[in-house]
């Protein structure tokens, strides 16, 4: 069932989207951060390349979207995302990983 990207952003959480990231490449789980991946191994299918084009992503990059819909970071280095969340938001790594699954479009 097709879904709009903005439906992933709905709510008071941060959203982290990985574009064509390597299998097994996952960020540290954090409270209030929903994680999705796009690509063959992902939970989201972007057949039209809309996410890639809209955010200017290349394979292996992650985009961190704030709860208000603004982009906080685009990077291929998850350490940058971890440091940003830890330093600026005091959002620590969770003891148990959590990943929300959205049906592929």
Protein backbone atom coordinates (compact mmCIF):
# COMPACT_ATOMS: atom_id res chain seq x y z
CA UNK A 1 0.00 0.00 0.00
CA UNK A 2 1.49 3.37 -0.99
CA UNK A 3 2.23 5.85 1.77
CA UNK A 4 3.28 9.45 1.85
CA UNK A 5 6.67 10.28 3.28
CA UNK A 6 5.10 12.93 5.48
CA UNK A 7 3.02 10.25 7.21
CA UNK A 8 6.32 8.88 8.57
CA UNK A 9 7.07 12.30 10.06
CA UNK A 10 3.67 12.73 11.74
CA UNK A 11 4.02 13.04 15.50
CA UNK A 12 6.52 14.42 17.97
CA UNK A 13 9.36 12.05 17.13
CA UNK A 14 12.52 12.47 15.08
CA UNK A 15 12.78 10.41 11.88
CA UNK A 16 15.97 8.87 10.54
CA UNK A 17 15.86 7.54 6.97
CA UNK A 18 18.66 5.53 5.41
CA UNK A 19 18.91 5.52 1.62
CA UNK A 20 20.21 2.28 0.11
CA UNK A 21 22.26 1.55 3.23
CA UNK A 22 24.27 -1.68 3.56
CA UNK A 23 22.48 -4.68 5.08
CA UNK A 24 23.08 -4.77 8.81
CA UNK A 25 24.00 -1.08 8.92
CA UNK A 26 21.72 0.24 11.64
CA UNK A 27 21.98 3.19 13.97
CA UNK A 28 21.99 2.95 17.74
CA UNK A 29 18.36 2.70 18.90
CA UNK A 30 17.13 5.83 20.65
CA UNK A 31 13.88 6.87 22.24
CA UNK A 32 11.77 9.28 20.18
CA UNK A 33 13.62 8.41 16.95
CA UNK A 34 11.84 6.34 14.29
CA UNK A 35 14.19 4.61 11.84
CA UNK A 36 13.31 3.63 8.27
CA UNK A 37 15.38 2.46 5.33
CA UNK A 38 14.79 2.79 1.61
CA UNK A 39 16.03 0.27 -0.91
CA UNK A 40 15.94 -3.43 -1.67
CA UNK A 41 16.66 -4.33 1.96
CA UNK A 42 14.55 -1.53 3.39
CA UNK A 43 11.06 -1.16 4.77
CA UNK A 44 10.22 1.61 2.28
CA UNK A 45 10.24 1.39 -1.51
CA UNK A 46 10.95 4.59 -3.44
CA UNK A 47 10.36 3.42 -7.01
CA UNK A 48 10.13 6.95 -8.39
CA UNK A 49 13.27 8.16 -6.62
CA UNK A 50 11.30 10.95 -4.94
CA UNK A 51 13.05 10.69 -1.58
CA UNK A 52 16.48 10.41 -3.23
CA UNK A 53 15.84 13.45 -5.42
CA UNK A 54 14.02 15.50 -2.78
CA UNK A 55 16.83 15.19 -0.25
CA UNK A 56 19.71 14.84 -2.71
CA UNK A 57 20.73 11.49 -1.23
CA UNK A 58 23.35 9.10 -2.52
CA UNK A 59 23.53 5.41 -1.55
CA UNK A 60 24.64 4.94 2.05
CA UNK A 61 23.41 8.31 3.30
CA UNK A 62 21.06 9.00 6.20
CA UNK A 63 18.76 11.99 6.64
CA UNK A 64 17.65 13.05 10.13
CA UNK A 65 14.35 14.93 10.15
CA UNK A 66 13.26 16.96 13.16
CA UNK A 67 9.70 16.67 14.55
CA UNK A 68 8.82 19.97 12.85
CA UNK A 69 9.78 18.52 9.45
CA UNK A 70 13.08 20.35 9.00
CA UNK A 71 16.21 18.43 8.06
CA UNK A 72 18.73 18.33 10.91
CA UNK A 73 21.48 16.38 9.13
CA UNK A 74 22.38 14.45 6.00
CA UNK A 75 25.39 12.17 6.37
CA UNK A 76 26.80 8.74 5.59
CA UNK A 77 28.38 8.59 9.07
CA UNK A 78 26.01 7.36 11.77
CA UNK A 79 28.46 8.61 14.39
CA UNK A 80 27.48 12.13 13.31
CA UNK A 81 23.81 11.31 13.94
CA UNK A 82 24.59 9.72 17.32
CA UNK A 83 26.69 12.70 18.39
CA UNK A 84 24.06 15.20 17.26
CA UNK A 85 21.26 13.48 19.16
CA UNK A 86 23.39 12.96 22.26
CA UNK A 87 24.91 16.44 22.38
CA UNK A 88 22.07 18.67 21.25
CA UNK A 89 19.03 16.73 22.39
CA UNK A 90 20.20 14.48 25.21
CA UNK A 91 18.59 11.53 23.43
CA UNK A 92 20.63 8.56 24.60
CA UNK A 93 20.97 5.13 23.04
CA UNK A 94 18.25 2.71 24.11
CA UNK A 95 18.99 -0.58 25.80
CA UNK A 96 16.83 -2.45 23.30
CA UNK A 97 16.71 -1.68 19.58
CA UNK A 98 13.41 -0.49 18.14
CA UNK A 99 12.62 -0.15 14.48
CA UNK A 100 9.20 0.67 13.16
CA UNK A 101 8.22 -1.17 10.02
CA UNK A 102 6.10 0.56 7.40
CA UNK A 103 4.59 -1.51 4.59
CA UNK A 104 6.46 -1.19 1.30
CA UNK A 105 4.79 1.02 -1.26
